[in-house]
Amino acid sequence: MGRTSVSTVVLDAHDAHELAGFYCRLLGYEIRREEPDWVLIGPPPGTEGVSLAFETERAYVPPVWPTRDPGDQQMMLHLDIEVDDLEGETARAVSEGARLHGHQPQDDVRVLLDPAGHPFCLWTEEEQER
């Protein structure tokens, strides 16, 4: 078998460019390629990270999490973003256009919704007391 690797995660949205801008600001990423209904972003040269792409989908329906009703659009995936300062980065994400989700299942994780309604998590490792 040849080499395989996941290179990009693609998220649908009503406006690919708007959502790409949000994640560029949030993650410090740069735009790599743009088309009218598609944008690829990634970390600056010399740094590591997973590329993200955004595709405009006119019939996009934001996911519901946790699912309440059987007919709800279910979340298919979410992004986990490790941070050093959970409260500070949560506030920054909100200032960039994210919304804090009403359901917060863990103390060391903040669940937020991006401008298109995709859930994502900011998390930090709790320091272990010795």
N, C-alpha and C. Protein backbone atom coordinates (compact mmCIF):
# COMPACT_ATOMS: atom_id res chain seq x y z
N MET A 1 0.84 -1.18 0.00
CA MET A 1 0.00 0.00 0.00
C MET A 1 0.89 1.24 0.00
N GLY A 2 0.50 2.24 -0.77
CA GLY A 2 1.24 3.49 -0.83
C GLY A 2 0.98 4.36 0.38
N ARG A 3 1.67 5.46 0.45
CA ARG A 3 1.53 6.42 1.55
C ARG A 3 0.14 7.06 1.52
N THR A 4 -0.49 7.13 2.67
CA THR A 4 -1.77 7.82 2.79
C THR A 4 -1.75 8.69 4.04
N SER A 5 -2.42 9.82 3.97
CA SER A 5 -2.54 10.68 5.14
C SER A 5 -3.71 11.62 4.94
N VAL A 6 -4.32 11.98 6.04
CA VAL A 6 -5.40 12.98 5.99
C VAL A 6 -4.73 14.34 5.87
N SER A 7 -5.06 15.07 4.83
CA SER A 7 -4.43 16.36 4.61
C SER A 7 -5.33 17.54 4.97
N THR A 8 -6.64 17.34 4.84
CA THR A 8 -7.57 18.46 5.00
C THR A 8 -8.89 17.98 5.55
N VAL A 9 -9.50 18.79 6.40
CA VAL A 9 -10.87 18.58 6.86
C VAL A 9 -11.71 19.64 6.16
N VAL A 10 -12.81 19.24 5.54
CA VAL A 10 -13.66 20.16 4.79
C VAL A 10 -14.98 20.37 5.55
N LEU A 11 -15.35 21.63 5.73
CA LEU A 11 -16.59 21.98 6.40
C LEU A 11 -17.50 22.73 5.42
N ASP A 12 -18.76 22.35 5.37
CA ASP A 12 -19.74 23.07 4.56
C ASP A 12 -20.26 24.26 5.35
N ALA A 13 -20.72 25.27 4.64
CA ALA A 13 -21.27 26.47 5.26
C ALA A 13 -22.10 27.22 4.23
N HIS A 14 -22.90 28.18 4.71
CA HIS A 14 -23.63 29.05 3.78
C HIS A 14 -22.66 29.93 3.00
N ASP A 15 -21.53 30.30 3.64
CA ASP A 15 -20.56 31.19 3.02
C ASP A 15 -19.15 30.71 3.37
N ALA A 16 -18.51 30.05 2.43
CA ALA A 16 -17.18 29.47 2.66
C ALA A 16 -16.16 30.54 3.04
N HIS A 17 -16.22 31.69 2.41
CA HIS A 17 -15.23 32.74 2.66
C HIS A 17 -15.38 33.32 4.06
N GLU A 18 -16.61 33.51 4.51
CA GLU A 18 -16.85 34.03 5.86
C GLU A 18 -16.31 33.06 6.91
N LEU A 19 -16.61 31.78 6.76
CA LEU A 19 -16.17 30.79 7.74
C LEU A 19 -14.65 30.62 7.69
N ALA A 20 -14.06 30.66 6.51
CA ALA A 20 -12.60 30.59 6.40
C ALA A 20 -11.94 31.76 7.13
N GLY A 21 -12.52 32.94 7.00
CA GLY A 21 -11.99 34.11 7.69
C GLY A 21 -12.02 33.95 9.20
N PHE A 22 -13.11 33.38 9.72
CA PHE A 22 -13.22 33.13 11.15
C PHE A 22 -12.09 32.22 11.62
N TYR A 23 -11.90 31.08 10.93
CA TYR A 23 -10.87 30.14 11.36
C TYR A 23 -9.45 30.67 11.12
N CYS A 24 -9.25 31.52 10.13
CA CYS A 24 -7.94 32.17 9.96
C CYS A 24 -7.63 33.03 11.18
N ARG A 25 -8.60 33.82 11.61
CA ARG A 25 -8.40 34.67 12.78
C ARG A 25 -8.21 33.83 14.04
N LEU A 26 -9.03 32.80 14.21
CA LEU A 26 -8.99 31.98 15.42
C LEU A 26 -7.67 31.21 15.54
N LEU A 27 -7.21 30.63 14.44
CA LEU A 27 -6.06 29.74 14.47
C LEU A 27 -4.75 30.38 14.00
N GLY A 28 -4.82 31.61 13.49
CA GLY A 28 -3.62 32.23 12.94
C GLY A 28 -3.21 31.61 11.61
N TYR A 29 -4.18 31.03 10.90
CA TYR A 29 -3.93 30.37 9.62
C TYR A 29 -3.93 31.40 8.49
N GLU A 30 -3.45 30.92 7.33
CA GLU A 30 -3.42 31.75 6.12
C GLU A 30 -4.23 31.07 5.02
N ILE A 31 -4.75 31.89 4.12
CA ILE A 31 -5.47 31.35 2.96
C ILE A 31 -4.44 30.78 1.99
N ARG A 32 -4.67 29.55 1.56
CA ARG A 32 -3.76 28.89 0.62
C ARG A 32 -4.31 28.92 -0.81
N ARG A 33 -5.62 28.71 -0.94
CA ARG A 33 -6.27 28.75 -2.26
C ARG A 33 -7.70 29.22 -2.08
N GLU A 34 -8.19 29.93 -3.08
CA GLU A 34 -9.57 30.42 -3.05
C GLU A 34 -10.22 30.21 -4.40
N GLU A 35 -11.46 29.83 -4.36
CA GLU A 35 -12.32 29.76 -5.54
C GLU A 35 -13.63 30.41 -5.12
N PRO A 36 -14.55 30.66 -6.03
CA PRO A 36 -15.79 31.34 -5.65
C PRO A 36 -16.56 30.66 -4.51
N ASP A 37 -16.59 29.34 -4.47
CA ASP A 37 -17.36 28.64 -3.44
C ASP A 37 -16.51 27.70 -2.60
N TRP A 38 -15.20 27.94 -2.54
CA TRP A 38 -14.32 27.02 -1.82
C TRP A 38 -13.07 27.77 -1.39
N VAL A 39 -12.61 27.52 -0.14
CA VAL A 39 -11.41 28.17 0.39
C VAL A 39 -10.61 27.12 1.16
N LEU A 40 -9.29 27.11 0.94
CA LEU A 40 -8.38 26.26 1.68
C LEU A 40 -7.50 27.14 2.54
N ILE A 41 -7.42 26.80 3.85
CA ILE A 41 -6.54 27.54 4.76
C ILE A 41 -5.60 26.55 5.45
N GLY A 42 -4.49 27.08 5.94
CA GLY A 42 -3.54 26.24 6.65
C GLY A 42 -2.62 27.07 7.50
N PRO A 43 -1.80 26.39 8.30
CA PRO A 43 -0.87 27.10 9.17
C PRO A 43 0.19 27.84 8.37
N PRO A 44 0.78 28.87 8.95
CA PRO A 44 1.84 29.59 8.26
C PRO A 44 3.01 28.65 7.91
N PRO A 45 3.77 28.98 6.88
CA PRO A 45 4.93 28.14 6.52
C PRO A 45 5.85 27.92 7.72
N GLY A 46 6.32 26.70 7.85
CA GLY A 46 7.23 26.36 8.94
C GLY A 46 6.55 25.93 10.22
N THR A 47 5.22 25.96 10.25
CA THR A 47 4.50 25.49 11.44
C THR A 47 3.62 24.31 11.05
N GLU A 48 3.28 23.52 12.05
CA GLU A 48 2.47 22.34 11.80
C GLU A 48 1.00 22.61 12.10
N GLY A 49 0.15 21.82 11.49
CA GLY A 49 -1.28 21.90 11.73
C GLY A 49 -2.03 21.31 10.56
N VAL A 50 -3.26 20.96 10.80
CA VAL A 50 -4.12 20.36 9.77
C VAL A 50 -4.74 21.47 8.95
N SER A 51 -4.73 21.32 7.64
CA SER A 51 -5.41 22.28 6.76
C SER A 51 -6.92 22.12 6.88
N LEU A 52 -7.62 23.21 6.68
CA LEU A 52 -9.08 23.21 6.67
C LEU A 52 -9.55 23.80 5.36
N ALA A 53 -10.61 23.24 4.82
CA ALA A 53 -11.23 23.80 3.63
C ALA A 53 -12.70 24.05 3.93
N PHE A 54 -13.26 25.00 3.23
CA PHE A 54 -14.65 25.39 3.43
C PHE A 54 -15.33 25.46 2.08
N GLU A 55 -16.50 24.87 2.01
CA GLU A 55 -17.24 24.81 0.75
C GLU A 55 -18.62 25.43 0.97
N THR A 56 -18.99 26.33 0.08
CA THR A 56 -20.32 26.93 0.15
C THR A 56 -21.34 25.90 -0.28
N GLU A 57 -22.31 25.70 0.58
CA GLU A 57 -23.42 24.78 0.31
C GLU A 57 -24.70 25.56 0.57
N ARG A 58 -25.39 25.91 -0.50
CA ARG A 58 -26.58 26.76 -0.38
C ARG A 58 -27.66 26.14 0.52
N ALA A 59 -27.75 24.81 0.55
CA ALA A 59 -28.76 24.13 1.37
C ALA A 59 -28.21 23.71 2.73
N TYR A 60 -27.11 24.30 3.17
CA TYR A 60 -26.48 23.93 4.43
C TYR A 60 -27.46 24.09 5.60
N VAL A 61 -27.48 23.10 6.47
CA VAL A 61 -28.29 23.12 7.69
C VAL A 61 -27.32 22.90 8.86
N PRO A 62 -27.23 23.84 9.80
CA PRO A 62 -26.32 23.66 10.93
C PRO A 62 -26.68 22.43 11.76
N PRO A 63 -25.67 21.75 12.30
CA PRO A 63 -25.95 20.58 13.12
C PRO A 63 -26.50 20.95 14.49
N VAL A 64 -27.14 19.99 15.12
CA VAL A 64 -27.66 20.14 16.47
C VAL A 64 -26.87 19.19 17.37
N TRP A 65 -26.31 19.73 18.46
CA TRP A 65 -25.61 18.90 19.43
C TRP A 65 -25.86 19.44 20.81
N PRO A 66 -26.14 18.61 21.76
CA PRO A 66 -26.51 17.21 21.57
C PRO A 66 -27.85 17.11 20.85
N THR A 67 -28.03 16.04 20.11
CA THR A 67 -29.25 15.84 19.33
C THR A 67 -30.45 15.76 20.26
N ARG A 68 -31.50 16.50 19.93
CA ARG A 68 -32.70 16.50 20.76
C ARG A 68 -33.82 15.67 20.16
N ASP A 69 -33.95 15.77 18.86
CA ASP A 69 -35.05 15.08 18.17
C ASP A 69 -34.48 14.20 17.07
N PRO A 70 -35.15 13.06 16.78
CA PRO A 70 -34.64 12.14 15.75
C PRO A 70 -34.43 12.79 14.38
N GLY A 71 -35.17 13.82 14.03
CA GLY A 71 -35.05 14.45 12.72
C GLY A 71 -34.00 15.55 12.64
N ASP A 72 -33.34 15.87 13.77
CA ASP A 72 -32.33 16.93 13.77
C ASP A 72 -31.14 16.57 12.89
N GLN A 73 -30.54 17.59 12.28
CA GLN A 73 -29.28 17.40 11.56
C GLN A 73 -28.21 17.08 12.59
N GLN A 74 -27.68 15.88 12.56
CA GLN A 74 -26.70 15.46 13.56
C GLN A 74 -25.31 15.98 13.23
N MET A 75 -24.54 16.21 14.29
CA MET A 75 -23.15 16.60 14.12
C MET A 75 -22.39 15.40 13.56
N MET A 76 -21.63 15.61 12.50
CA MET A 76 -20.85 14.53 11.89
C MET A 76 -19.43 14.50 12.43
N LEU A 77 -18.90 15.66 12.79
CA LEU A 77 -17.56 15.76 13.35
C LEU A 77 -17.45 17.10 14.04
N HIS A 78 -16.40 17.26 14.84
CA HIS A 78 -16.10 18.57 15.40
C HIS A 78 -14.59 18.69 15.53
N LEU A 79 -14.12 19.91 15.65
CA LEU A 79 -12.69 20.18 15.78
C LEU A 79 -12.35 20.33 17.26
N ASP A 80 -11.27 19.69 17.70
CA ASP A 80 -10.71 19.88 19.04
C ASP A 80 -9.47 20.74 18.89
N ILE A 81 -9.45 21.87 19.59
CA ILE A 81 -8.35 22.82 19.49
C ILE A 81 -7.73 22.98 20.87
N GLU A 82 -6.48 22.53 21.03
CA GLU A 82 -5.80 22.64 22.32
C GLU A 82 -5.29 24.06 22.51
N VAL A 83 -5.50 24.59 23.71
CA VAL A 83 -5.08 25.94 24.06
C VAL A 83 -4.36 25.93 25.41
N ASP A 84 -3.55 26.95 25.66
CA ASP A 84 -2.88 27.07 26.95
C ASP A 84 -3.75 27.80 27.98
N ASP A 85 -4.56 28.74 27.51
CA ASP A 85 -5.37 29.59 28.38
C ASP A 85 -6.83 29.42 27.97
N LEU A 86 -7.53 28.54 28.65
CA LEU A 86 -8.90 28.20 28.25
C LEU A 86 -9.83 29.40 28.31
N GLU A 87 -9.81 30.13 29.39
CA GLU A 87 -10.73 31.27 29.53
C GLU A 87 -10.38 32.38 28.54
N GLY A 88 -9.09 32.69 28.41
CA GLY A 88 -8.67 33.74 27.50
C GLY A 88 -8.98 33.41 26.04
N GLU A 89 -8.72 32.17 25.64
CA GLU A 89 -8.99 31.78 24.26
C GLU A 89 -10.48 31.63 23.99
N THR A 90 -11.25 31.27 25.01
CA THR A 90 -12.71 31.23 24.85
C THR A 90 -13.22 32.64 24.58
N ALA A 91 -12.76 33.60 25.37
CA ALA A 91 -13.17 34.99 25.18
C ALA A 91 -12.75 35.50 23.79
N ARG A 92 -11.54 35.14 23.35
CA ARG A 92 -11.08 35.58 22.04
C ARG A 92 -11.91 34.96 20.93
N ALA A 93 -12.25 33.67 21.07
CA ALA A 93 -13.08 33.00 20.06
C ALA A 93 -14.45 33.69 19.96
N VAL A 94 -15.02 34.02 21.10
CA VAL A 94 -16.32 34.71 21.10
C VAL A 94 -16.18 36.09 20.45
N SER A 95 -15.09 36.79 20.72
CA SER A 95 -14.89 38.11 20.11
C SER A 95 -14.71 38.02 18.60
N GLU A 96 -14.27 36.87 18.09
CA GLU A 96 -14.09 36.66 16.65
C GLU A 96 -15.37 36.18 15.97
N GLY A 97 -16.42 35.86 16.74
CA GLY A 97 -17.68 35.46 16.13
C GLY A 97 -18.24 34.13 16.57
N ALA A 98 -17.54 33.41 17.44
CA ALA A 98 -18.06 32.14 17.96
C ALA A 98 -19.12 32.42 19.03
N ARG A 99 -19.93 31.41 19.31
CA ARG A 99 -20.91 31.49 20.40
C ARG A 99 -20.65 30.35 21.37
N LEU A 100 -20.70 30.64 22.65
CA LEU A 100 -20.55 29.61 23.66
C LEU A 100 -21.79 28.73 23.65
N HIS A 101 -21.60 27.42 23.58
CA HIS A 101 -22.72 26.48 23.56
C HIS A 101 -23.33 26.41 24.96
N GLY A 102 -24.62 26.17 25.04
CA GLY A 102 -25.30 26.04 26.32
C GLY A 102 -24.94 24.79 27.10
N HIS A 103 -24.44 23.76 26.42
CA HIS A 103 -24.08 22.50 27.07
C HIS A 103 -22.57 22.42 27.22
N GLN A 104 -22.08 22.42 28.44
CA GLN A 104 -20.65 22.36 28.74
C GLN A 104 -20.38 21.14 29.61
N PRO A 105 -20.02 19.99 29.00
CA PRO A 105 -19.92 18.74 29.75
C PRO A 105 -18.67 18.55 30.59
N GLN A 106 -17.63 19.37 30.41
CA GLN A 106 -16.37 19.16 31.13
C GLN A 106 -15.78 20.48 31.57
N ASP A 107 -15.06 20.47 32.70
CA ASP A 107 -14.43 21.70 33.21
C ASP A 107 -13.25 22.16 32.37
N ASP A 108 -12.53 21.22 31.74
CA ASP A 108 -11.32 21.57 31.00
C ASP A 108 -11.57 21.68 29.49
N VAL A 109 -12.85 21.82 29.11
CA VAL A 109 -13.25 21.94 27.71
C VAL A 109 -14.32 23.02 27.61
N ARG A 110 -14.25 23.82 26.55
CA ARG A 110 -15.33 24.76 26.25
C ARG A 110 -15.87 24.40 24.87
N VAL A 111 -17.16 24.14 24.80
CA VAL A 111 -17.82 23.85 23.53
C VAL A 111 -18.37 25.17 23.00
N LEU A 112 -17.98 25.47 21.76
CA LEU A 112 -18.44 26.69 21.10
C LEU A 112 -19.03 26.33 19.76
N LEU A 113 -19.73 27.27 19.16
CA LEU A 113 -20.26 27.13 17.81
C LEU A 113 -19.62 28.19 16.94
N ASP A 114 -19.12 27.77 15.79
CA ASP A 114 -18.54 28.75 14.86
C ASP A 114 -19.68 29.53 14.20
N PRO A 115 -19.39 30.55 13.39
CA PRO A 115 -20.46 31.34 12.78
C PRO A 115 -21.45 30.55 11.93
N ALA A 116 -21.05 29.37 11.43
CA ALA A 116 -21.96 28.54 10.64
C ALA A 116 -22.70 27.52 11.51
N GLY A 117 -22.43 27.50 12.81
CA GLY A 117 -23.11 26.59 13.71
C GLY A 117 -22.41 25.26 13.95
N HIS A 118 -21.19 25.08 13.41
CA HIS A 118 -20.43 23.85 13.68
C HIS A 118 -19.90 23.89 15.11
N PRO A 119 -20.14 22.85 15.91
CA PRO A 119 -19.51 22.80 17.23
C PRO A 119 -18.01 22.60 17.11
N PHE A 120 -17.26 23.23 17.99
CA PHE A 120 -15.83 22.96 18.13
C PHE A 120 -15.48 23.10 19.60
N CYS A 121 -14.40 22.45 20.00
CA CYS A 121 -14.01 22.45 21.41
C CYS A 121 -12.64 23.09 21.58
N LEU A 122 -12.54 23.97 22.55
CA LEU A 122 -11.26 24.43 23.04
C LEU A 122 -11.00 23.62 24.30
N TRP A 123 -9.79 23.12 24.43
CA TRP A 123 -9.50 22.29 25.60
C TRP A 123 -8.08 22.53 26.09
N THR A 124 -7.87 22.21 27.34
CA THR A 124 -6.56 22.30 27.94
C THR A 124 -6.41 21.13 28.90
N GLU A 125 -5.19 20.70 29.06
CA GLU A 125 -4.95 19.63 30.02
C GLU A 125 -4.93 20.23 31.41
N GLU A 126 -5.73 19.64 32.30
CA GLU A 126 -5.72 20.09 33.68
C GLU A 126 -4.41 19.66 34.32
N GLU A 127 -3.84 20.56 35.09
CA GLU A 127 -2.60 20.21 35.76
C GLU A 127 -2.91 19.24 36.89
N GLN A 128 -2.13 18.19 36.95
CA GLN A 128 -2.31 17.17 37.98
C GLN A 128 -1.63 17.65 39.27
N GLU A 129 -2.35 17.56 40.37
CA GLU A 129 -1.74 17.88 41.66
C GLU A 129 -0.89 16.71 42.09
N ARG A 130 0.27 17.01 42.61
CA ARG A 130 1.18 15.94 43.04
C ARG A 130 1.33 15.95 44.53
